[in-house]
Amino acid sequence: MSNLYEQLGCKNKEELYEKMKMGVDEVRPLLDFFDYVKGNIGNKEKPIRSPEDLFHYVEHMDKPSKNLVQLLFVDTKNIPIHANKARLSRLDDVKRSIGEGLHAGSAKVFISYSEESDIEKIDKLEKLLDLIGTQVLDKVQYSDKNRTYTSILGSDRYSLSDSPTIIKESGETTFPDLSKKDNYNEFAEYVTRQEIKGMDVIKERGILLDKLKIVDRCQ
């Protein structure tokens, strides 16, 4: 079992955490794995039927920025099976993100982007997804100023019947389970301690529990 720090080119948890915050390419596998864990992927009881359901998921993910979009891939029942992010300025990163969603078994996706994002790039992303047969169920725009999400397409685009058609999904992902690496538990606990400092355990209980998932993964 290899060492997590060595695999990602770092000497210790502090160095890895700094690279993670900066989004350095060499730690991308870890960022994607954390997104996977925090995205509530294992919850098979809560399909996304409305913008309100969608907001419940995206508010616990990292916020999108001008050049960074969040993609939430779902199965035929609108149940999340994979979450990741992509940089709009890099086509190879966009293709990577879409490829992971396809390998996870998805045919639909929700896009979360910033109000500062280039709309033309968002439209190109949507056209690319449509070209490969991945339906964009909704696009939600995040306002950093107001800290709110706004649904662009609306609930009629992805409401489901009470008995949707069930098709078996693989649920597989293309990135490795990093929780099996030496030092993962140590690093996950360190990240959690750093990110929950100063949080209100009552008002921010949902976010707090979400951040603890990266530790729960290895219990």
Protein backbone atom coordinates (compact mmCIF):
# COMPACT_ATOMS: atom_id res chain seq x y z
CA MET A 1 0.00 0.00 0.00
CA SER A 2 1.69 3.21 -1.18
CA ASN A 3 2.05 6.48 0.70
CA LEU A 4 -0.50 9.15 -0.28
CA TYR A 5 1.97 12.02 0.09
CA GLU A 6 4.67 10.39 -2.03
CA GLN A 7 2.20 9.45 -4.75
CA LEU A 8 1.11 13.08 -5.07
CA GLY A 9 4.62 14.51 -4.90
CA CYS A 10 4.49 15.95 -1.37
CA LYS A 11 6.55 15.54 1.79
CA ASN A 12 3.78 15.90 4.37
CA LYS A 13 0.13 16.75 5.00
CA GLU A 14 0.78 20.49 5.22
CA GLU A 15 2.37 20.62 1.77
CA LEU A 16 -0.38 18.47 0.26
CA TYR A 17 -3.09 20.65 1.81
CA GLU A 18 -1.54 23.82 0.36
CA LYS A 19 -1.38 22.26 -3.10
CA MET A 20 -4.95 21.06 -2.74
CA LYS A 21 -6.18 24.58 -1.90
CA MET A 22 -4.36 25.97 -4.96
CA GLY A 23 -5.78 23.27 -7.22
CA VAL A 24 -2.36 22.13 -8.44
CA ASP A 25 -2.69 19.64 -11.31
CA GLU A 26 -0.62 16.91 -9.65
CA VAL A 27 -3.14 16.63 -6.79
CA ARG A 28 -6.17 16.58 -9.12
CA PRO A 29 -6.87 12.87 -8.36
CA LEU A 30 -7.26 13.73 -4.68
CA LEU A 31 -9.52 16.72 -5.39
CA ASP A 32 -11.74 14.59 -7.60
CA PHE A 33 -11.84 11.81 -5.00
CA PHE A 34 -12.88 14.25 -2.27
CA ASP A 35 -15.61 15.61 -4.58
CA TYR A 36 -16.77 12.05 -5.13
CA VAL A 37 -16.94 11.35 -1.41
CA LYS A 38 -18.56 14.67 -0.48
CA GLY A 39 -21.07 14.51 -3.34
CA ASN A 40 -23.31 12.11 -1.39
CA ILE A 41 -22.76 9.53 -4.14
CA GLY A 42 -23.78 6.61 -1.97
CA ASN A 43 -27.23 8.01 -1.21
CA LYS A 44 -29.56 5.90 -3.36
CA GLU A 45 -32.78 7.15 -1.75
CA LYS A 46 -32.79 10.75 -2.96
CA PRO A 47 -33.26 11.30 -6.68
CA ILE A 48 -33.19 14.88 -7.90
CA ARG A 49 -36.76 15.79 -8.84
CA SER A 50 -36.70 19.58 -8.62
CA PRO A 51 -34.39 22.60 -8.33
CA GLU A 52 -34.80 22.40 -4.55
CA ASP A 53 -33.44 18.84 -4.55
CA LEU A 54 -30.58 19.95 -6.79
CA PHE A 55 -29.69 22.87 -4.54
CA HIS A 56 -29.43 20.42 -1.62
CA TYR A 57 -26.62 18.65 -3.45
CA VAL A 58 -24.74 21.56 -5.02
CA GLU A 59 -24.64 23.65 -1.85
CA HIS A 60 -22.45 20.97 -0.28
CA MET A 61 -20.01 20.94 -3.18
CA ASP A 62 -17.19 23.40 -3.75
CA LYS A 63 -18.56 26.63 -5.17
CA PRO A 64 -18.04 27.23 -8.89
CA SER A 65 -15.85 30.14 -9.97
CA LYS A 66 -15.31 32.16 -13.15
CA ASN A 67 -13.32 29.43 -14.86
CA LEU A 68 -14.43 26.40 -12.84
CA VAL A 69 -17.75 24.58 -13.29
CA GLN A 70 -19.17 21.77 -11.19
CA LEU A 71 -20.73 18.77 -12.96
CA LEU A 72 -23.13 16.46 -11.13
CA PHE A 73 -23.77 13.29 -13.13
CA VAL A 74 -26.91 11.25 -12.46
CA ASP A 75 -28.36 7.90 -13.54
CA THR A 76 -31.69 7.26 -15.29
CA LYS A 77 -33.53 7.87 -12.00
CA ASN A 78 -31.76 11.20 -11.45
CA ILE A 79 -29.75 9.76 -8.57
CA PRO A 80 -26.23 11.27 -8.32
CA ILE A 81 -23.50 8.79 -9.18
CA HIS A 82 -20.51 11.04 -9.82
CA ALA A 83 -19.49 14.65 -9.15
CA ASN A 84 -16.44 16.53 -10.37
CA LYS A 85 -15.24 19.90 -11.64
CA ALA A 86 -13.76 21.18 -14.90
CA ARG A 87 -11.85 24.24 -16.01
CA LEU A 88 -13.64 25.95 -18.89
CA SER A 89 -10.38 27.26 -20.34
CA ARG A 90 -8.96 23.76 -20.86
CA LEU A 91 -10.70 21.41 -23.30
CA ASP A 92 -8.69 18.43 -22.04
CA ASP A 93 -9.96 19.06 -18.51
CA VAL A 94 -13.55 19.31 -19.76
CA LYS A 95 -13.14 16.04 -21.67
CA ARG A 96 -11.66 14.37 -18.57
CA SER A 97 -14.62 15.46 -16.49
CA ILE A 98 -17.16 14.23 -19.04
CA GLY A 99 -15.26 10.97 -19.51
CA GLU A 100 -15.43 10.22 -15.79
CA GLY A 101 -19.17 10.81 -15.82
CA LEU A 102 -19.68 8.48 -18.76
CA HIS A 103 -17.55 5.74 -17.19
CA ALA A 104 -19.60 6.07 -14.00
CA GLY A 105 -22.66 5.11 -16.04
CA SER A 106 -24.46 8.44 -16.35
CA ALA A 107 -26.57 9.71 -19.23
CA LYS A 108 -27.62 13.00 -17.64
CA VAL A 109 -25.87 15.86 -15.90
CA PHE A 110 -26.45 19.08 -13.97
CA ILE A 111 -24.09 22.01 -14.53
CA SER A 112 -23.29 24.51 -11.78
CA TYR A 113 -21.44 27.66 -12.86
CA SER A 114 -20.64 31.15 -11.60
CA GLU A 115 -22.46 34.29 -12.69
CA GLU A 116 -19.00 35.52 -13.71
CA SER A 117 -18.45 32.59 -16.10
CA ASP A 118 -18.24 33.12 -19.85
CA ILE A 119 -21.72 32.13 -21.07
CA GLU A 120 -20.38 31.22 -24.50
CA LYS A 121 -18.10 28.65 -22.87
CA ILE A 122 -21.03 27.28 -20.86
CA ASP A 123 -23.06 26.96 -24.07
CA LYS A 124 -20.15 25.15 -25.76
CA LEU A 125 -19.94 22.76 -22.82
CA GLU A 126 -23.67 22.04 -23.10
CA LYS A 127 -23.38 21.45 -26.86
CA LEU A 128 -20.47 19.08 -26.31
CA LEU A 129 -22.47 17.10 -23.76
CA ASP A 130 -25.44 16.98 -26.13
CA LEU A 131 -23.20 15.80 -28.97
CA ILE A 132 -22.13 12.73 -26.99
CA GLY A 133 -25.67 11.99 -25.82
CA THR A 134 -25.47 13.32 -22.27
CA GLN A 135 -28.59 15.32 -21.43
CA VAL A 136 -28.18 18.56 -19.47
CA LEU A 137 -31.13 18.50 -17.09
CA ASP A 138 -30.49 21.93 -15.64
CA LYS A 139 -27.91 24.67 -15.38
CA VAL A 140 -27.71 26.53 -12.09
CA GLN A 141 -25.97 29.86 -11.74
CA TYR A 142 -24.17 30.71 -8.52
CA SER A 143 -23.93 34.27 -7.23
CA ASP A 144 -20.92 34.71 -4.96
CA LYS A 145 -22.23 38.12 -3.88
CA ASN A 146 -25.62 36.79 -2.72
CA ARG A 147 -24.45 33.22 -2.07
CA THR A 148 -27.46 31.86 -3.93
CA TYR A 149 -28.12 29.40 -6.76
CA THR A 150 -30.63 30.10 -9.53
CA SER A 151 -32.14 27.40 -11.74
CA ILE A 152 -31.94 28.33 -15.44
CA LEU A 153 -34.15 25.63 -16.97
CA GLY A 154 -36.72 24.94 -14.27
CA SER A 155 -38.32 21.95 -12.58
CA ASP A 156 -40.40 20.75 -15.56
CA ARG A 157 -37.20 19.60 -17.24
CA TYR A 158 -36.37 16.93 -14.67
CA SER A 159 -39.34 15.98 -12.53
CA LEU A 160 -39.86 12.20 -12.42
CA SER A 161 -42.87 9.95 -12.08
CA ASP A 162 -43.29 7.95 -8.87
CA SER A 163 -42.21 4.78 -10.68
CA PRO A 164 -39.39 5.65 -13.09
CA THR A 165 -37.90 3.00 -15.34
CA ILE A 166 -35.10 1.23 -13.53
CA ILE A 167 -31.94 0.49 -15.48
CA LYS A 168 -28.95 -1.01 -13.72
CA GLU A 169 -26.04 1.41 -13.51
CA SER A 170 -22.43 0.38 -13.05
CA GLY A 171 -21.60 3.13 -10.54
CA GLU A 172 -17.94 2.69 -11.41
CA THR A 173 -15.48 5.56 -11.53
CA THR A 174 -12.21 5.99 -13.39
CA PHE A 175 -10.18 7.32 -10.48
CA PRO A 176 -8.69 5.11 -7.74
CA ASP A 177 -10.03 4.77 -4.20
CA LEU A 178 -7.42 6.90 -2.44
CA SER A 179 -8.83 6.00 0.96
CA LYS A 180 -6.82 2.77 0.68
CA LYS A 181 -3.51 4.67 0.61
CA ASP A 182 -1.26 5.01 3.65
CA ASN A 183 -1.73 8.42 5.34
CA TYR A 184 -5.18 9.00 3.81
CA ASN A 185 -6.89 8.85 7.19
CA GLU A 186 -4.32 11.20 8.72
CA PHE A 187 -4.67 13.67 5.85
CA ALA A 188 -8.48 13.48 5.74
CA GLU A 189 -8.68 14.27 9.45
CA TYR A 190 -6.20 17.15 9.00
CA VAL A 191 -8.24 18.64 6.12
CA THR A 192 -11.44 18.33 8.12
CA ARG A 193 -9.93 20.10 11.14
CA GLN A 194 -8.68 22.93 8.91
CA GLU A 195 -11.99 23.42 7.12
CA ILE A 196 -14.33 23.31 10.12
CA LYS A 197 -12.43 25.89 12.17
CA GLY A 198 -14.79 28.64 13.25
CA MET A 199 -17.91 26.93 11.88
CA ASP A 200 -21.22 27.22 13.71
CA VAL A 201 -22.08 23.60 14.57
CA ILE A 202 -25.80 24.46 14.71
CA LYS A 203 -26.35 26.85 11.81
CA GLU A 204 -23.86 25.07 9.57
CA ARG A 205 -24.57 21.51 10.69
CA GLY A 206 -25.26 20.24 7.17
CA ILE A 207 -22.02 21.61 5.77
CA LEU A 208 -20.11 20.33 8.79
CA LEU A 209 -21.43 16.79 8.36
CA ASP A 210 -20.64 16.97 4.65
CA LYS A 211 -17.00 17.81 5.32
CA LEU A 212 -16.73 14.91 7.75
CA LYS A 213 -17.53 12.47 4.92
CA ILE A 214 -13.95 12.44 3.73
CA VAL A 215 -13.02 10.96 7.13
CA ASP A 216 -16.03 8.64 7.35
CA ARG A 217 -14.96 7.10 4.06
CA CYS A 218 -12.14 5.23 5.74
CA GLN A 219 -13.83 4.21 9.00
